[in-house]
Every structure is written in structure tokens, then in C-alpha cells.
Amino acid sequence: MTELVEPAPPAGPAADPVHPGGAGRPGDQRRPAPTPHWCDRCGESVAESPHEACTAARALEPPRWCAHCRRRMKVQVVPTGWSAVCVEHGEIRG
């Protein structure tokens, strides 16, 4: 099972380019995450090929690329699971 962990809101009143109106404010309406455009294992476009090998490998491996922005993620594997962090979209765990 994979869970998405939201990043902490920014400390100052600076505008958030992803979530207009500022993140973490009362009444803030966040947009849903966009549909993934990139394979989270190889980083290539999901529209160009089916990625059956990547899907099979992901049953045993954590993601290495952010499926939303194609950034390489920081991945940590521990005996109880894994966590992967994208600087733009936050942390996911499995």
C-alpha cells in the first residue's frame, strides 16, 4: 500500500505557485494531483509505451521518478518499507 504524505506548508505568507492562495491556510482549496504523465520507475512517458516491465518491477521496488513532474526522487529503503520524496510533490511511502 502506498500513501501520500503532504509536505509541510511554507512558513511565510509567500504565494504557492502550485496552489494559488497559499498552502495550509484555512479555507484553502487545493486542486487534485494531476494524472501521472511519467513512469515512476524509468522516468519515460507513459503515453509512448505500455511499461509492462516497469509495472512488474514496481511490485518489489520503490518508485525512482516523480510520476507528475519527472524529477528524480530521494528514496530510502528500510526493512519495514520505503519512502520517496519529490521536492515539488512531497513524500510517498510504501
C-alpha atoms as a PDB file:
ATOM      1  CA  MET A   1       0.000   0.000   0.000  1.00  0.00           C
ATOM      2  CA  THR A   2       1.306   3.436  -0.876  1.00  0.00           C
ATOM      3  CA  GLU A   3       0.364   6.588   0.992  1.00  0.00           C
ATOM      4  CA  LEU A   4       0.974  10.192   0.012  1.00  0.00           C
ATOM      5  CA  VAL A   5       2.359  12.415   2.740  1.00  0.00           C
ATOM      6  CA  GLU A   6       1.764  16.125   2.122  1.00  0.00           C
ATOM      7  CA  PRO A   7       4.788  18.404   2.546  1.00  0.00           C
ATOM      8  CA  ALA A   8       4.722  20.915   5.391  1.00  0.00           C
ATOM      9  CA  PRO A   9       3.149  24.287   4.470  1.00  0.00           C
ATOM     10  CA  PRO A  10       5.546  27.201   3.863  1.00  0.00           C
ATOM     11  CA  ALA A  11       6.403  29.305   6.898  1.00  0.00           C
ATOM     12  CA  GLY A  12       5.772  32.717   5.343  1.00  0.00           C
ATOM     13  CA  PRO A  13       2.885  34.347   3.512  1.00  0.00           C
ATOM     14  CA  ALA A  14       4.609  33.779   0.134  1.00  0.00           C
ATOM     15  CA  ALA A  15       2.349  32.634  -2.666  1.00  0.00           C
ATOM     16  CA  ASP A  16       2.469  28.984  -3.603  1.00  0.00           C
ATOM     17  CA  PRO A  17       2.710  28.579  -7.424  1.00  0.00           C
ATOM     18  CA  VAL A  18       1.142  25.108  -7.348  1.00  0.00           C
ATOM     19  CA  HIS A  19      -1.722  26.023  -5.024  1.00  0.00           C
ATOM     20  CA  PRO A  20      -2.794  29.651  -5.589  1.00  0.00           C
ATOM     21  CA  GLY A  21      -3.940  31.430  -2.477  1.00  0.00           C
ATOM     22  CA  GLY A  22      -1.250  29.892  -0.268  1.00  0.00           C
ATOM     23  CA  ALA A  23      -0.896  26.433   1.176  1.00  0.00           C
ATOM     24  CA  GLY A  24      -2.072  25.472   4.615  1.00  0.00           C
ATOM     25  CA  ARG A  25      -4.404  28.410   5.167  1.00  0.00           C
ATOM     26  CA  PRO A  26      -7.938  27.870   6.498  1.00  0.00           C
ATOM     27  CA  GLY A  27     -10.401  27.501   3.648  1.00  0.00           C
ATOM     28  CA  ASP A  28      -7.607  26.745   1.166  1.00  0.00           C
ATOM     29  CA  GLN A  29      -8.960  24.748  -1.769  1.00  0.00           C
ATOM     30  CA  ARG A  30      -6.219  22.530  -3.192  1.00  0.00           C
ATOM     31  CA  ARG A  31      -6.502  21.154  -6.667  1.00  0.00           C
ATOM     32  CA  PRO A  32      -6.311  17.353  -7.042  1.00  0.00           C
ATOM     33  CA  ALA A  33      -2.978  15.933  -8.165  1.00  0.00           C
ATOM     34  CA  PRO A  34      -2.682  15.798 -11.954  1.00  0.00           C
ATOM     35  CA  THR A  35      -2.851  12.496 -13.805  1.00  0.00           C
ATOM     36  CA  PRO A  36       0.625  10.902 -13.931  1.00  0.00           C
ATOM     37  CA  HIS A  37       2.382  11.503 -17.250  1.00  0.00           C
ATOM     38  CA  TRP A  38       5.682   9.760 -16.450  1.00  0.00           C
ATOM     39  CA  CYS A  39       6.655   6.239 -15.422  1.00  0.00           C
ATOM     40  CA  ASP A  40       7.746   6.293 -11.765  1.00  0.00           C
ATOM     41  CA  ARG A  41      10.349   3.590 -12.391  1.00  0.00           C
ATOM     42  CA  CYS A  42      12.134   4.589 -15.629  1.00  0.00           C
ATOM     43  CA  GLY A  43      11.052   8.246 -15.975  1.00  0.00           C
ATOM     44  CA  GLU A  44       9.778   7.890 -19.553  1.00  0.00           C
ATOM     45  CA  SER A  45       6.363   8.951 -20.872  1.00  0.00           C
ATOM     46  CA  VAL A  46       3.509   6.560 -20.064  1.00  0.00           C
ATOM     47  CA  ALA A  47       1.770   7.525 -23.314  1.00  0.00           C
ATOM     48  CA  GLU A  48       4.611   6.308 -25.562  1.00  0.00           C
ATOM     49  CA  SER A  49       4.794   2.663 -24.446  1.00  0.00           C
ATOM     50  CA  PRO A  50       2.918   0.276 -22.120  1.00  0.00           C
ATOM     51  CA  HIS A  51       5.719  -0.212 -19.478  1.00  0.00           C
ATOM     52  CA  GLU A  52       4.778  -3.797 -18.521  1.00  0.00           C
ATOM     53  CA  ALA A  53       8.320  -4.488 -17.261  1.00  0.00           C
ATOM     54  CA  CYS A  54       8.220  -1.370 -15.083  1.00  0.00           C
ATOM     55  CA  THR A  55       4.834  -2.343 -13.659  1.00  0.00           C
ATOM     56  CA  ALA A  56       6.136  -5.812 -12.788  1.00  0.00           C
ATOM     57  CA  ALA A  57       9.312  -4.430 -11.215  1.00  0.00           C
ATOM     58  CA  ARG A  58       7.375  -1.875  -9.159  1.00  0.00           C
ATOM     59  CA  ALA A  59       5.748  -4.729  -7.254  1.00  0.00           C
ATOM     60  CA  LEU A  60       9.122  -5.191  -5.497  1.00  0.00           C
ATOM     61  CA  GLU A  61      10.856  -1.804  -5.881  1.00  0.00           C
ATOM     62  CA  PRO A  62      10.077   1.760  -4.749  1.00  0.00           C
ATOM     63  CA  PRO A  63       9.486   4.495  -7.339  1.00  0.00           C
ATOM     64  CA  ARG A  64      12.579   6.373  -8.505  1.00  0.00           C
ATOM     65  CA  TRP A  65      10.998   9.214 -10.540  1.00  0.00           C
ATOM     66  CA  CYS A  66       8.082  11.503  -9.715  1.00  0.00           C
ATOM     67  CA  ALA A  67       5.164  10.494 -11.942  1.00  0.00           C
ATOM     68  CA  HIS A  68       3.880  14.089 -12.040  1.00  0.00           C
ATOM     69  CA  CYS A  69       6.967  16.202 -12.768  1.00  0.00           C
ATOM     70  CA  ARG A  70       9.651  13.667 -13.838  1.00  0.00           C
ATOM     71  CA  ARG A  71      12.084  14.730 -11.115  1.00  0.00           C
ATOM     72  CA  ARG A  72      14.419  12.124  -9.645  1.00  0.00           C
ATOM     73  CA  MET A  73      13.247  11.386  -6.104  1.00  0.00           C
ATOM     74  CA  LYS A  74      15.233  10.800  -2.927  1.00  0.00           C
ATOM     75  CA  VAL A  75      14.444   7.195  -1.958  1.00  0.00           C
ATOM     76  CA  GLN A  76      15.101   5.474   1.357  1.00  0.00           C
ATOM     77  CA  VAL A  77      14.535   1.741   1.804  1.00  0.00           C
ATOM     78  CA  VAL A  78      14.232   0.279   5.312  1.00  0.00           C
ATOM     79  CA  PRO A  79      13.258  -3.242   6.470  1.00  0.00           C
ATOM     80  CA  THR A  80       9.675  -2.130   7.124  1.00  0.00           C
ATOM     81  CA  GLY A  81       9.101  -0.356   3.792  1.00  0.00           C
ATOM     82  CA  TRP A  82      10.309   2.641   1.792  1.00  0.00           C
ATOM     83  CA  SER A  83       9.811   6.374   1.366  1.00  0.00           C
ATOM     84  CA  ALA A  84      10.362   8.518  -1.721  1.00  0.00           C
ATOM     85  CA  VAL A  85      10.470  12.323  -1.653  1.00  0.00           C
ATOM     86  CA  CYS A  86       9.870  14.712  -4.564  1.00  0.00           C
ATOM     87  CA  VAL A  87      10.854  18.300  -3.791  1.00  0.00           C
ATOM     88  CA  GLU A  88       7.729  19.533  -5.605  1.00  0.00           C
ATOM     89  CA  HIS A  89       5.064  16.951  -4.693  1.00  0.00           C
ATOM     90  CA  GLY A  90       6.115  15.671  -1.274  1.00  0.00           C
ATOM     91  CA  GLU A  91       6.623  12.194   0.140  1.00  0.00           C
ATOM     92  CA  ILE A  92       5.046   8.836  -0.637  1.00  0.00           C
ATOM     93  CA  ARG A  93       5.520   5.695   1.428  1.00  0.00           C
ATOM     94  CA  GLY A  94       5.032   2.031   0.808  1.00  0.00           C
END
